[in-house]
Amino acid sequence: MTARERGVRVPAVVLARGSDREAVVVQEFVAGRSLDDLAPAERTPALLTAVWQQVALLHSARIAHHDLVASSVLVDDAGRPWL
C-alpha cells in the first residue's frame, strides 16, 4: 500500500522503474512553492499543523521519508502541504 493510499498528500506516481543499481520515480506535477520559499508570515500555525498531520500519517503507515526538510514540503495554491 502506498503513502497516497494511506491518506498522505503526495503526488501520484506516474512511473517507477529500477534495477539492482539505480531507480527512477516520476511523479505527477503539483503547482506550488516549497515550505522554505514561503515568507515567514505565510508559515502560519495552521499550515505547520497541517504539515505535521501529514508527517503523522506517514509515521502511522510506518513509511520513512528519508529526506524530510523544508525544501521537500510543497505548499499548493490552496495552502495545502504535500510531502
N, C-alpha and C. Protein backbone atom coordinates (compact mmCIF):
# COMPACT_ATOMS: atom_id res chain seq x y z
N MET A 1 0.85 -1.18 0.00
CA MET A 1 0.00 0.00 0.00
C MET A 1 0.89 1.24 0.00
N THR A 2 0.59 2.20 -0.85
CA THR A 2 1.41 3.40 -0.96
C THR A 2 1.00 4.45 0.07
N ALA A 3 1.86 5.45 0.23
CA ALA A 3 1.55 6.55 1.15
C ALA A 3 0.25 7.22 0.74
N ARG A 4 0.07 7.42 -0.54
CA ARG A 4 -1.15 8.07 -1.06
C ARG A 4 -2.39 7.27 -0.68
N GLU A 5 -2.31 5.95 -0.81
CA GLU A 5 -3.44 5.09 -0.44
C GLU A 5 -3.72 5.11 1.05
N ARG A 6 -2.77 5.54 1.82
CA ARG A 6 -2.95 5.64 3.28
C ARG A 6 -3.33 7.04 3.73
N GLY A 7 -3.64 7.91 2.77
CA GLY A 7 -4.15 9.23 3.11
C GLY A 7 -3.13 10.35 3.16
N VAL A 8 -1.87 10.05 2.85
CA VAL A 8 -0.84 11.08 2.85
C VAL A 8 -0.95 11.86 1.54
N ARG A 9 -0.89 13.18 1.64
CA ARG A 9 -0.97 14.03 0.45
C ARG A 9 0.39 14.04 -0.25
N VAL A 10 0.52 13.17 -1.23
CA VAL A 10 1.74 13.06 -2.05
C VAL A 10 1.32 13.02 -3.51
N PRO A 11 2.16 13.52 -4.42
CA PRO A 11 1.83 13.42 -5.84
C PRO A 11 1.74 11.96 -6.28
N ALA A 12 0.85 11.70 -7.20
CA ALA A 12 0.70 10.33 -7.73
C ALA A 12 1.97 9.92 -8.47
N VAL A 13 2.34 8.67 -8.34
CA VAL A 13 3.48 8.13 -9.07
C VAL A 13 3.01 7.78 -10.48
N VAL A 14 3.67 8.35 -11.47
CA VAL A 14 3.33 8.12 -12.87
C VAL A 14 4.15 6.95 -13.42
N LEU A 15 5.41 6.86 -12.98
CA LEU A 15 6.31 5.82 -13.48
C LEU A 15 7.34 5.50 -12.40
N ALA A 16 7.60 4.23 -12.22
CA ALA A 16 8.65 3.79 -11.30
C ALA A 16 9.37 2.61 -11.94
N ARG A 17 10.66 2.76 -12.13
CA ARG A 17 11.48 1.71 -12.73
C ARG A 17 12.80 1.63 -11.98
N GLY A 18 13.36 0.46 -11.93
CA GLY A 18 14.64 0.34 -11.27
C GLY A 18 15.31 -0.98 -11.53
N SER A 19 16.53 -1.06 -11.08
CA SER A 19 17.33 -2.27 -11.18
C SER A 19 18.08 -2.41 -9.86
N ASP A 20 19.01 -3.32 -9.83
CA ASP A 20 19.82 -3.50 -8.62
C ASP A 20 20.69 -2.29 -8.32
N ARG A 21 20.98 -1.48 -9.35
CA ARG A 21 21.94 -0.40 -9.19
C ARG A 21 21.34 0.99 -9.22
N GLU A 22 20.14 1.16 -9.80
CA GLU A 22 19.58 2.50 -9.92
C GLU A 22 18.06 2.43 -10.02
N ALA A 23 17.44 3.57 -9.79
CA ALA A 23 15.98 3.64 -9.87
C ALA A 23 15.56 5.05 -10.28
N VAL A 24 14.38 5.14 -10.84
CA VAL A 24 13.80 6.43 -11.19
C VAL A 24 12.32 6.38 -10.82
N VAL A 25 11.84 7.48 -10.25
CA VAL A 25 10.43 7.62 -9.91
C VAL A 25 9.97 8.96 -10.50
N VAL A 26 8.91 8.92 -11.29
CA VAL A 26 8.34 10.13 -11.88
C VAL A 26 6.98 10.35 -11.22
N GLN A 27 6.79 11.55 -10.68
CA GLN A 27 5.53 11.86 -10.01
C GLN A 27 4.78 12.96 -10.74
N GLU A 28 3.47 12.98 -10.50
CA GLU A 28 2.60 14.00 -11.06
C GLU A 28 3.05 15.39 -10.59
N PHE A 29 2.94 16.38 -11.46
CA PHE A 29 3.33 17.75 -11.12
C PHE A 29 2.27 18.38 -10.21
N VAL A 30 2.72 19.03 -9.16
CA VAL A 30 1.84 19.78 -8.26
C VAL A 30 2.35 21.22 -8.24
N ALA A 31 1.50 22.14 -8.65
CA ALA A 31 1.89 23.56 -8.65
C ALA A 31 1.93 24.07 -7.22
N GLY A 32 3.00 24.77 -6.88
CA GLY A 32 3.12 25.33 -5.55
C GLY A 32 4.55 25.79 -5.28
N ARG A 33 4.81 26.08 -4.01
CA ARG A 33 6.14 26.52 -3.58
C ARG A 33 6.58 25.65 -2.41
N SER A 34 7.88 25.50 -2.29
CA SER A 34 8.38 24.72 -1.15
C SER A 34 8.22 25.53 0.14
N LEU A 35 8.14 24.82 1.23
CA LEU A 35 7.93 25.45 2.53
C LEU A 35 9.03 26.47 2.82
N ASP A 36 10.25 26.19 2.42
CA ASP A 36 11.34 27.14 2.69
C ASP A 36 11.32 28.35 1.77
N ASP A 37 10.49 28.34 0.71
CA ASP A 37 10.35 29.51 -0.16
C ASP A 37 9.26 30.46 0.32
N LEU A 38 8.47 30.03 1.30
CA LEU A 38 7.40 30.89 1.81
C LEU A 38 7.97 31.97 2.73
N ALA A 39 7.34 33.12 2.71
CA ALA A 39 7.72 34.19 3.64
C ALA A 39 7.35 33.73 5.06
N PRO A 40 8.07 34.22 6.07
CA PRO A 40 7.76 33.82 7.44
C PRO A 40 6.28 34.00 7.81
N ALA A 41 5.66 35.06 7.34
CA ALA A 41 4.24 35.30 7.67
C ALA A 41 3.32 34.26 7.04
N GLU A 42 3.79 33.60 5.97
CA GLU A 42 2.99 32.58 5.31
C GLU A 42 3.08 31.22 6.01
N ARG A 43 4.08 31.06 6.85
CA ARG A 43 4.25 29.81 7.60
C ARG A 43 3.45 29.90 8.89
N THR A 44 2.15 29.82 8.72
CA THR A 44 1.22 30.01 9.84
C THR A 44 1.15 28.76 10.72
N PRO A 45 0.67 28.93 11.95
CA PRO A 45 0.47 27.75 12.80
C PRO A 45 -0.45 26.72 12.15
N ALA A 46 -1.47 27.17 11.44
CA ALA A 46 -2.39 26.23 10.78
C ALA A 46 -1.66 25.43 9.70
N LEU A 47 -0.81 26.08 8.92
CA LEU A 47 -0.06 25.39 7.88
C LEU A 47 0.91 24.39 8.50
N LEU A 48 1.64 24.81 9.52
CA LEU A 48 2.60 23.91 10.15
C LEU A 48 1.89 22.72 10.81
N THR A 49 0.72 22.95 11.37
CA THR A 49 -0.08 21.85 11.93
C THR A 49 -0.47 20.87 10.83
N ALA A 50 -0.85 21.38 9.66
CA ALA A 50 -1.21 20.52 8.53
C ALA A 50 0.00 19.71 8.05
N VAL A 51 1.19 20.33 8.07
CA VAL A 51 2.41 19.60 7.71
C VAL A 51 2.62 18.46 8.68
N TRP A 52 2.53 18.74 9.98
CA TRP A 52 2.76 17.69 10.98
C TRP A 52 1.69 16.61 10.91
N GLN A 53 0.48 16.96 10.50
CA GLN A 53 -0.56 15.94 10.32
C GLN A 53 -0.17 14.98 9.20
N GLN A 54 0.39 15.51 8.11
CA GLN A 54 0.85 14.66 7.02
C GLN A 54 2.01 13.77 7.48
N VAL A 55 2.92 14.33 8.25
CA VAL A 55 4.04 13.55 8.79
C VAL A 55 3.51 12.44 9.71
N ALA A 56 2.51 12.75 10.51
CA ALA A 56 1.92 11.75 11.40
C ALA A 56 1.28 10.61 10.61
N LEU A 57 0.65 10.95 9.48
CA LEU A 57 0.08 9.90 8.63
C LEU A 57 1.18 8.98 8.09
N LEU A 58 2.30 9.58 7.67
CA LEU A 58 3.44 8.77 7.23
C LEU A 58 3.90 7.84 8.34
N HIS A 59 4.04 8.41 9.53
CA HIS A 59 4.52 7.64 10.67
C HIS A 59 3.56 6.50 11.00
N SER A 60 2.27 6.78 11.02
CA SER A 60 1.30 5.74 11.37
C SER A 60 1.25 4.64 10.32
N ALA A 61 1.62 4.98 9.08
CA ALA A 61 1.68 3.99 8.00
C ALA A 61 3.03 3.27 7.98
N ARG A 62 3.92 3.65 8.90
CA ARG A 62 5.26 3.08 9.00
C ARG A 62 6.07 3.29 7.72
N ILE A 63 5.95 4.52 7.18
CA ILE A 63 6.67 4.90 5.96
C ILE A 63 7.71 5.95 6.34
N ALA A 64 8.95 5.73 5.94
CA ALA A 64 10.03 6.68 6.19
C ALA A 64 10.21 7.57 4.96
N HIS A 65 10.38 8.86 5.16
CA HIS A 65 10.56 9.80 4.05
C HIS A 65 12.02 9.84 3.60
N HIS A 66 12.95 9.81 4.51
CA HIS A 66 14.40 9.81 4.27
C HIS A 66 14.99 11.17 3.87
N ASP A 67 14.17 12.18 3.58
CA ASP A 67 14.71 13.50 3.26
C ASP A 67 13.67 14.57 3.58
N LEU A 68 13.12 14.51 4.76
CA LEU A 68 12.05 15.43 5.14
C LEU A 68 12.65 16.73 5.68
N VAL A 69 12.80 17.68 4.76
CA VAL A 69 13.30 19.02 5.08
C VAL A 69 12.33 20.02 4.47
N ALA A 70 12.44 21.27 4.85
CA ALA A 70 11.50 22.30 4.38
C ALA A 70 11.43 22.38 2.86
N SER A 71 12.55 22.15 2.19
CA SER A 71 12.55 22.24 0.73
C SER A 71 11.82 21.07 0.06
N SER A 72 11.57 19.99 0.80
CA SER A 72 10.85 18.85 0.21
C SER A 72 9.37 18.85 0.57
N VAL A 73 8.91 19.87 1.28
CA VAL A 73 7.48 20.03 1.56
C VAL A 73 6.95 21.10 0.61
N LEU A 74 5.98 20.72 -0.21
CA LEU A 74 5.40 21.63 -1.19
C LEU A 74 4.07 22.14 -0.66
N VAL A 75 3.83 23.44 -0.81
CA VAL A 75 2.56 24.04 -0.42
C VAL A 75 1.86 24.47 -1.70
N ASP A 76 0.68 23.88 -1.95
CA ASP A 76 -0.01 24.18 -3.21
C ASP A 76 -0.73 25.52 -3.15
N ASP A 77 -1.36 25.89 -4.24
CA ASP A 77 -2.02 27.20 -4.34
C ASP A 77 -3.20 27.35 -3.37
N ALA A 78 -3.72 26.22 -2.89
CA ALA A 78 -4.81 26.25 -1.90
C ALA A 78 -4.27 26.26 -0.47
N GLY A 79 -2.95 26.26 -0.32
CA GLY A 79 -2.34 26.30 1.01
C GLY A 79 -2.20 24.95 1.67
N ARG A 80 -2.35 23.85 0.91
CA ARG A 80 -2.23 22.50 1.46
C ARG A 80 -0.81 21.98 1.28
N PRO A 81 -0.26 21.38 2.33
CA PRO A 81 1.09 20.81 2.21
C PRO A 81 1.08 19.45 1.54
N TRP A 82 2.10 19.21 0.72
CA TRP A 82 2.32 17.94 0.04
C TRP A 82 3.71 17.45 0.44
N LEU A 83 3.84 16.16 0.72
CA LEU A 83 5.13 15.60 1.09
C LEU A 83 5.72 14.84 -0.07
